[in-house]
Amino acid sequence: MNSSSDLQYFIGLMSGTSTDGVDGALVAFSTQIQPHIVAFKSIAMPESLRETFLSLNKSGNNELEKAAIAANQLAQLYSHCVYDLLKSSDITATQVTAIGAHGQTVRHRPDLNFTIQLNAPALLAELTNIDVIADFRSRDVAAGGQGAPFAPLLHEALFRDAQKKRVILNLGGIANITVLTPNQPLLGLDTGPANALMDYWVHLYRGENYDENGAWGATGNVLPGLLEDFLDDPYFNLPAPKSTGRDLFNPDWLTQHLQAFASLRPEDVMATLRALTTHSIASAIKRYQSDIDELIVCGGGSKNTALIEELKTLLQCDVNPIDNYGYDSQAIEALAFAWLAKAFVHKEALNFPALTGSEHRTIAGAYYPR
């Protein structure tokens, strides 16, 4: 690896449960300043690769070969993202200490002691000529943890305030929160589905990958009986630490819940899925912090206007995009994996037993030299 210095560059690569694309951030780290995003790039996921990843969320034919090919294709996409980041910033590959590459989660079963993020880090190292750190979650799962969440420690470093009670909300395929209460321990968890089910529903009925600004869902009405049925899922009553994904909140889950309801308008189901997201978030926040001063929102779902307005009503607090603090809402997860790669290089244990449920702290990641 490159020798350490006060200023170091790392690249974080993230493809989340929304499976809509790859986000990459080139980040400068120094002991003197907060992490600085030098460049950010987002590349759309090719539809064929997206469909393959979604199909691998459940058992099927020829899974192993499909998974290996998809992992290699993802590494190619990651390498294009790295190239674009370097080109736009005038930083060379030799100046980058390491890449933190998350991979694509296709199974997350910490109850069975495994989590699978498809990735080809050796190929990525070969394609970019940069050291790669990958497989961040498995070590925590091996120590009895959920393998998630990791982002709350970054959120704490960036946003903890001595006076304000803050919650950081990431609206990806799954919603997750970081609760930052003055003089109280850090808390973080997955609250339930966010974009994953809404994206599926709008694609099914309108052929679109997402509901832009939440406009279609805003034309529908929330169905109280259906919302109550959604919220009856046992996951929502589980205490922290907890994490979830498409293993639970997937099209099959939605279909099972819709079977008891006849002749529903698609836009009403969409509005109710939005309400499922907002009510499960608000319930989780109120469970661990009865009142908050500020909700800071990041992730693709932060662009859903109707969803954000609903959260304001439910929580009665200031709701601000993370962009107000100088960070692109789309870039924060990629920043997190650059940060995790830095922690690996410096042998810092960044999982936190109170967050993940692990028996002890561990160093997250595995090293693939260039």
Protein backbone atom coordinates (compact mmCIF):
# COMPACT_ATOMS: atom_id res chain seq x y z
CA MET A 1 0.00 0.00 0.00
CA ASN A 2 1.05 3.62 -0.38
CA SER A 3 2.92 5.03 2.57
CA SER A 4 0.79 7.10 4.91
CA SER A 5 0.94 10.88 4.93
CA ASP A 6 -1.18 13.65 6.42
CA LEU A 7 -3.20 14.00 3.20
CA GLN A 8 -4.46 10.76 1.72
CA TYR A 9 -6.90 10.02 -1.10
CA PHE A 10 -9.35 7.14 -0.98
CA ILE A 11 -12.16 6.16 -3.33
CA GLY A 12 -15.45 4.78 -2.07
CA LEU A 13 -17.72 2.75 -4.37
CA MET A 14 -21.29 1.91 -3.48
CA SER A 15 -24.16 0.12 -5.21
CA GLY A 16 -27.06 -0.07 -2.79
CA THR A 17 -30.30 -1.98 -2.39
CA SER A 18 -32.04 0.31 -4.89
CA THR A 19 -29.80 -1.30 -7.57
CA ASP A 20 -30.24 1.82 -9.69
CA GLY A 21 -26.57 2.61 -10.17
CA VAL A 22 -23.02 2.87 -8.89
CA ASP A 23 -21.92 5.87 -6.83
CA GLY A 24 -18.26 6.74 -6.47
CA ALA A 25 -16.53 9.38 -4.37
CA LEU A 26 -12.89 10.43 -4.40
CA VAL A 27 -12.23 11.68 -0.88
CA ALA A 28 -9.32 13.57 0.66
CA PHE A 29 -8.61 12.76 4.32
CA SER A 30 -6.42 14.77 6.65
CA THR A 31 -6.03 15.11 10.39
CA GLN A 32 -6.51 18.85 9.92
CA ILE A 33 -9.91 18.94 8.19
CA GLN A 34 -13.18 17.03 7.82
CA PRO A 35 -13.26 14.52 4.92
CA HIS A 36 -13.48 16.43 1.64
CA ILE A 37 -15.20 14.99 -1.44
CA VAL A 38 -12.89 15.93 -4.30
CA ALA A 39 -15.06 14.32 -6.98
CA PHE A 40 -18.31 12.39 -7.19
CA LYS A 41 -19.64 10.25 -10.00
CA SER A 42 -22.83 8.25 -10.44
CA ILE A 43 -23.25 5.69 -13.23
CA ALA A 44 -26.62 4.11 -14.02
CA MET A 45 -26.85 0.36 -13.57
CA PRO A 46 -27.42 -1.38 -16.92
CA GLU A 47 -30.93 -2.81 -16.89
CA SER A 48 -29.74 -6.37 -17.62
CA LEU A 49 -27.31 -6.28 -14.69
CA ARG A 50 -29.96 -4.77 -12.43
CA GLU A 51 -32.39 -7.56 -13.31
CA THR A 52 -29.71 -10.17 -12.62
CA PHE A 53 -28.97 -8.72 -9.18
CA LEU A 54 -32.68 -8.59 -8.33
CA SER A 55 -33.15 -12.20 -9.44
CA LEU A 56 -30.29 -13.26 -7.17
CA ASN A 57 -32.14 -11.96 -4.12
CA LYS A 58 -33.91 -15.34 -4.07
CA SER A 59 -33.02 -18.87 -5.05
CA GLY A 60 -33.09 -19.85 -8.72
CA ASN A 61 -31.35 -21.83 -11.46
CA ASN A 62 -27.64 -21.59 -12.16
CA GLU A 63 -27.09 -19.08 -9.38
CA LEU A 64 -23.35 -19.54 -8.97
CA GLU A 65 -22.46 -18.80 -12.58
CA LYS A 66 -24.90 -15.88 -12.72
CA ALA A 67 -23.41 -14.46 -9.53
CA ALA A 68 -19.81 -14.75 -10.76
CA ILE A 69 -20.57 -13.11 -14.10
CA ALA A 70 -22.56 -10.32 -12.43
CA ALA A 71 -19.72 -9.67 -9.97
CA ASN A 72 -17.26 -9.30 -12.85
CA GLN A 73 -19.63 -6.95 -14.67
CA LEU A 74 -19.97 -4.86 -11.51
CA ALA A 75 -16.17 -4.65 -11.24
CA GLN A 76 -16.07 -3.34 -14.81
CA LEU A 77 -18.68 -0.72 -13.93
CA TYR A 78 -16.74 0.20 -10.79
CA SER A 79 -13.56 0.61 -12.85
CA HIS A 80 -15.32 3.01 -15.24
CA CYS A 81 -16.45 5.03 -12.23
CA VAL A 82 -12.88 5.14 -10.87
CA TYR A 83 -11.57 6.27 -14.26
CA ASP A 84 -14.15 9.08 -14.39
CA LEU A 85 -13.32 10.21 -10.85
CA LEU A 86 -9.60 10.39 -11.58
CA LYS A 87 -10.11 12.12 -14.91
CA SER A 88 -12.37 14.81 -13.44
CA SER A 89 -10.03 15.55 -10.53
CA ASP A 90 -6.56 15.38 -12.11
CA ILE A 91 -5.59 12.83 -9.44
CA THR A 92 -3.58 9.82 -10.64
CA ALA A 93 -4.10 6.21 -9.61
CA THR A 94 -0.73 6.22 -7.83
CA GLN A 95 -1.95 9.02 -5.55
CA VAL A 96 -4.91 6.95 -4.30
CA THR A 97 -4.12 4.86 -1.24
CA ALA A 98 -6.99 2.41 -1.72
CA ILE A 99 -10.49 1.85 -3.05
CA GLY A 100 -13.28 0.79 -0.68
CA ALA A 101 -15.71 -1.26 -2.80
CA HIS A 102 -18.93 -2.37 -1.12
CA GLY A 103 -20.28 -4.70 -3.81
CA GLN A 104 -23.96 -5.53 -4.39
CA THR A 105 -25.85 -7.16 -1.54
CA VAL A 106 -27.91 -10.09 -2.81
CA ARG A 107 -28.43 -11.97 0.47
CA HIS A 108 -28.23 -10.62 4.00
CA ARG A 109 -28.91 -13.27 6.64
CA PRO A 110 -27.00 -12.43 9.81
CA ASP A 111 -29.42 -14.77 11.65
CA LEU A 112 -27.71 -17.57 9.70
CA ASN A 113 -24.26 -15.97 10.08
CA PHE A 114 -23.76 -14.85 6.51
CA THR A 115 -24.08 -11.84 4.25
CA ILE A 116 -23.25 -11.78 0.53
CA GLN A 117 -22.11 -8.71 -1.33
CA LEU A 118 -21.29 -9.71 -4.91
CA ASN A 119 -17.98 -8.16 -5.90
CA ALA A 120 -14.80 -8.94 -7.81
CA PRO A 121 -12.19 -6.94 -5.89
CA ALA A 122 -9.20 -8.77 -7.38
CA LEU A 123 -10.42 -7.88 -10.87
CA LEU A 124 -11.07 -4.30 -9.78
CA ALA A 125 -7.50 -4.03 -8.45
CA GLU A 126 -6.22 -5.36 -11.77
CA LEU A 127 -8.36 -2.95 -13.81
CA THR A 128 -7.50 0.16 -11.80
CA ASN A 129 -3.98 -0.58 -10.55
CA ILE A 130 -5.12 0.57 -7.10
CA ASP A 131 -5.30 -1.46 -3.87
CA VAL A 132 -8.86 -2.54 -3.08
CA ILE A 133 -10.53 -3.12 0.28
CA ALA A 134 -13.77 -5.11 0.09
CA ASP A 135 -16.02 -7.55 1.99
CA PHE A 136 -16.59 -5.08 4.81
CA ARG A 137 -19.53 -6.79 6.49
CA SER A 138 -18.46 -10.42 6.90
CA ARG A 139 -16.02 -9.88 9.77
CA ASP A 140 -18.69 -8.29 11.93
CA VAL A 141 -21.14 -11.10 11.12
CA ALA A 142 -18.46 -13.64 12.06
CA ALA A 143 -18.25 -11.92 15.46
CA GLY A 144 -21.99 -12.36 15.96
CA GLY A 145 -23.09 -8.99 14.56
CA GLN A 146 -25.56 -7.86 11.93
CA GLY A 147 -22.81 -6.67 9.56
CA ALA A 148 -24.60 -3.32 9.66
CA PRO A 149 -24.89 -0.46 10.19
CA PHE A 150 -21.43 1.06 9.73
CA ALA A 151 -22.37 4.55 8.52
CA PRO A 152 -23.48 5.84 11.98
CA LEU A 153 -19.87 6.21 13.12
CA LEU A 154 -19.20 8.46 10.12
CA HIS A 155 -22.44 10.34 10.76
CA GLU A 156 -21.34 10.88 14.35
CA ALA A 157 -17.95 12.23 13.27
CA LEU A 158 -19.58 14.67 10.87
CA PHE A 159 -22.79 15.72 12.60
CA ARG A 160 -22.81 15.19 16.36
CA ASP A 161 -23.72 18.45 18.10
CA ALA A 162 -23.23 19.27 21.78
CA GLN A 163 -26.68 20.84 22.00
CA LYS A 164 -28.94 19.50 19.25
CA LYS A 165 -30.72 16.14 19.19
CA ARG A 166 -30.17 15.05 15.61
CA VAL A 167 -31.15 12.06 13.51
CA ILE A 168 -29.41 11.27 10.21
CA LEU A 169 -31.76 9.45 7.82
CA ASN A 170 -30.51 7.62 4.74
CA LEU A 171 -33.25 6.85 2.22
CA GLY A 172 -31.84 4.16 -0.04
CA GLY A 173 -33.57 0.91 -0.92
CA ILE A 174 -33.81 0.45 2.84
CA ALA A 175 -34.17 3.32 5.31
CA ASN A 176 -31.66 3.58 8.12
CA ILE A 177 -31.22 6.07 10.91
CA THR A 178 -28.42 7.35 13.13
CA VAL A 179 -29.61 8.84 16.42
CA LEU A 180 -27.26 11.49 17.82
CA THR A 181 -28.34 12.60 21.29
CA PRO A 182 -26.04 14.85 23.34
CA ASN A 183 -24.28 12.92 26.13
CA GLN A 184 -25.86 9.65 25.02
CA PRO A 185 -24.35 6.62 23.23
CA LEU A 186 -24.57 6.40 19.46
CA LEU A 187 -27.51 4.42 18.05
CA GLY A 188 -28.24 3.26 14.50
CA LEU A 189 -30.55 0.77 12.79
CA ASP A 190 -32.48 -0.11 9.65
CA THR A 191 -36.07 1.05 10.07
CA GLY A 192 -37.55 -0.84 7.10
CA PRO A 193 -38.18 -0.34 3.37
CA ALA A 194 -37.68 2.99 1.61
CA ASN A 195 -37.14 3.09 -2.15
CA ALA A 196 -36.97 -0.66 -2.76
CA LEU A 197 -40.72 -1.37 -2.71
CA MET A 198 -41.74 1.99 -4.18
CA ASP A 199 -39.30 1.57 -7.08
CA TYR A 200 -40.62 -1.93 -7.75
CA TRP A 201 -44.22 -0.70 -7.77
CA VAL A 202 -43.68 2.26 -10.10
CA HIS A 203 -41.67 0.05 -12.46
CA LEU A 204 -44.44 -2.55 -12.48
CA TYR A 205 -47.22 -0.09 -13.34
CA ARG A 206 -45.48 2.73 -15.18
CA GLY A 207 -42.26 1.21 -16.50
CA GLU A 208 -40.18 3.82 -14.66
CA ASN A 209 -37.23 3.06 -12.39
CA TYR A 210 -38.41 5.46 -9.70
CA ASP A 211 -41.23 7.89 -8.94
CA GLU A 212 -39.62 11.26 -9.71
CA ASN A 213 -40.13 13.66 -6.81
CA GLY A 214 -42.82 11.27 -5.52
CA ALA A 215 -45.23 12.81 -8.04
CA TRP A 216 -47.22 9.68 -8.93
CA GLY A 217 -47.57 8.56 -5.33
CA ALA A 218 -48.80 12.05 -4.45
CA THR A 219 -51.85 11.49 -6.70
CA GLY A 220 -52.98 8.55 -4.56
CA ASN A 221 -54.59 8.20 -1.16
CA VAL A 222 -53.12 6.32 1.79
CA LEU A 223 -55.16 3.17 2.57
CA PRO A 224 -55.31 2.89 6.39
CA GLY A 225 -56.16 -0.82 6.47
CA LEU A 226 -53.34 -1.73 4.12
CA LEU A 227 -50.88 0.48 6.01
CA GLU A 228 -51.83 -1.22 9.28
CA ASP A 229 -51.33 -4.61 7.65
CA PHE A 230 -47.88 -3.58 6.39
CA LEU A 231 -46.86 -2.30 9.82
CA ASP A 232 -47.94 -5.54 11.49
CA ASP A 233 -44.79 -7.20 10.17
CA PRO A 234 -42.78 -8.39 13.20
CA TYR A 235 -39.62 -6.64 11.97
CA PHE A 236 -40.93 -3.24 12.96
CA ASN A 237 -41.25 -4.24 16.62
CA LEU A 238 -37.79 -5.80 16.89
CA PRO A 239 -35.39 -3.85 19.11
CA ALA A 240 -32.05 -2.52 17.91
CA PRO A 241 -29.56 -3.70 16.84
CA LYS A 242 -31.28 -4.85 13.67
CA SER A 243 -30.77 -4.73 9.92
CA THR A 244 -32.78 -5.84 6.93
CA GLY A 245 -32.85 -5.89 3.13
CA ARG A 246 -34.51 -7.41 0.10
CA ASP A 247 -34.44 -10.83 1.77
CA LEU A 248 -37.51 -9.63 3.67
CA PHE A 249 -38.91 -6.52 1.98
CA ASN A 250 -39.27 -7.70 -1.61
CA PRO A 251 -42.03 -8.12 -4.24
CA ASP A 252 -43.13 -11.42 -2.69
CA TRP A 253 -43.63 -9.68 0.67
CA LEU A 254 -45.71 -6.98 -0.99
CA THR A 255 -47.80 -9.47 -2.99
CA GLN A 256 -48.63 -11.46 0.15
CA HIS A 257 -49.88 -8.34 1.90
CA LEU A 258 -51.95 -7.20 -1.09
CA GLN A 259 -53.80 -10.52 -1.45
CA ALA A 260 -56.31 -9.66 1.27
CA PHE A 261 -57.28 -6.40 -0.46
CA ALA A 262 -59.29 -6.31 -3.69
CA SER A 263 -59.47 -3.69 -6.47
CA LEU A 264 -56.81 -1.32 -5.21
CA ARG A 265 -55.78 1.60 -7.36
CA PRO A 266 -52.02 1.39 -8.07
CA GLU A 267 -51.46 5.03 -7.08
CA ASP A 268 -53.15 4.37 -3.72
CA VAL A 269 -50.82 1.44 -3.09
CA MET A 270 -47.92 3.73 -3.98
CA ALA A 271 -49.10 6.35 -1.51
CA THR A 272 -49.44 3.65 1.14
CA LEU A 273 -45.92 2.36 0.48
CA ARG A 274 -44.69 5.91 1.00
CA ALA A 275 -46.63 6.02 4.27
CA LEU A 276 -45.11 2.69 5.29
CA THR A 277 -41.67 4.25 4.88
CA THR A 278 -42.49 7.43 6.79
CA HIS A 279 -44.46 5.80 9.61
CA SER A 280 -41.83 3.11 10.22
CA ILE A 281 -39.11 5.78 10.30
CA ALA A 282 -41.07 8.03 12.66
CA SER A 283 -41.95 5.12 14.94
CA ALA A 284 -38.31 4.01 15.18
CA ILE A 285 -37.11 7.54 15.92
CA LYS A 286 -39.75 8.10 18.62
CA ARG A 287 -38.91 4.75 20.18
CA TYR A 288 -35.33 5.80 20.85
CA GLN A 289 -35.61 9.60 21.02
CA SER A 290 -38.98 11.04 22.03
CA ASP A 291 -38.30 14.43 20.48
CA ILE A 292 -35.61 15.61 18.09
CA ASP A 293 -34.41 19.02 16.96
CA GLU A 294 -33.34 18.16 13.44
CA LEU A 295 -33.64 15.39 10.86
CA ILE A 296 -30.84 15.44 8.27
CA VAL A 297 -31.75 13.45 5.15
CA CYS A 298 -29.56 11.84 2.50
CA GLY A 299 -29.96 9.20 -0.21
CA GLY A 300 -32.09 9.00 -3.34
CA GLY A 301 -35.35 9.13 -1.40
CA SER A 302 -34.49 12.63 -0.17
CA LYS A 303 -35.76 13.85 -3.57
CA ASN A 304 -39.25 12.47 -2.87
CA THR A 305 -41.05 15.70 -1.96
CA ALA A 306 -44.22 14.05 -0.67
CA LEU A 307 -42.23 11.71 1.56
CA ILE A 308 -40.22 14.55 3.08
CA GLU A 309 -43.36 16.60 3.76
CA GLU A 310 -44.97 13.60 5.44
CA LEU A 311 -41.93 13.19 7.70
CA LYS A 312 -42.15 16.85 8.71
CA THR A 313 -45.77 16.33 9.73
CA LEU A 314 -45.06 13.13 11.68
CA LEU A 315 -41.94 14.35 13.49
CA GLN A 316 -42.65 18.07 13.94
CA CYS A 317 -38.98 19.03 13.66
CA ASP A 318 -36.62 20.74 11.24
CA VAL A 319 -35.98 18.49 8.24
CA ASN A 320 -32.94 19.45 6.16
CA PRO A 321 -31.10 17.83 3.24
CA ILE A 322 -27.53 16.83 3.97
CA ASP A 323 -26.58 19.11 1.07
CA ASN A 324 -27.07 22.04 3.46
CA TYR A 325 -23.92 20.84 5.25
CA GLY A 326 -21.76 20.67 2.14
CA TYR A 327 -22.27 16.99 1.28
CA ASP A 328 -24.05 15.71 -1.84
CA SER A 329 -26.97 13.58 -0.63
CA GLN A 330 -26.11 10.95 -3.25
CA ALA A 331 -22.44 10.83 -2.25
CA ILE A 332 -22.61 10.16 1.48
CA GLU A 333 -22.65 6.34 1.26
CA ALA A 334 -19.74 6.31 -1.17
CA LEU A 335 -17.92 8.61 1.26
CA ALA A 336 -18.62 6.06 4.00
CA PHE A 337 -16.82 3.30 2.12
CA ALA A 338 -13.84 5.52 1.37
CA TRP A 339 -13.79 6.17 5.11
CA LEU A 340 -14.01 2.43 5.88
CA ALA A 341 -11.14 1.74 3.48
CA LYS A 342 -9.06 4.35 5.31
CA ALA A 343 -9.93 2.71 8.63
CA PHE A 344 -8.78 -0.69 7.29
CA VAL A 345 -5.46 0.74 6.07
CA HIS A 346 -4.84 2.29 9.49
CA LYS A 347 -6.10 -0.81 11.34
CA GLU A 348 -8.96 1.01 13.04
CA ALA A 349 -11.93 -1.03 14.28
CA LEU A 350 -15.03 0.84 13.17
CA ASN A 351 -17.79 -1.62 13.86
CA PHE A 352 -19.43 -0.87 17.18
CA PRO A 353 -21.02 -3.71 19.20
CA ALA A 354 -23.87 -1.50 20.44
CA LEU A 355 -24.76 -0.77 16.80
CA THR A 356 -24.26 -4.13 15.12
CA GLY A 357 -24.68 -6.56 18.01
CA SER A 358 -21.22 -8.07 17.52
CA GLU A 359 -19.42 -9.61 20.48
CA HIS A 360 -16.40 -7.34 20.06
CA ARG A 361 -14.93 -4.73 17.74
CA THR A 362 -13.26 -5.90 14.55
CA ILE A 363 -11.41 -4.40 11.60
CA ALA A 364 -13.81 -4.46 8.66
CA GLY A 365 -12.64 -5.49 5.21
CA ALA A 366 -10.25 -7.66 3.24
CA TYR A 367 -7.23 -6.50 1.22
CA TYR A 368 -6.69 -7.06 -2.52
CA PRO A 369 -3.37 -5.55 -3.65
CA ARG A 370 -2.98 -3.95 -7.05
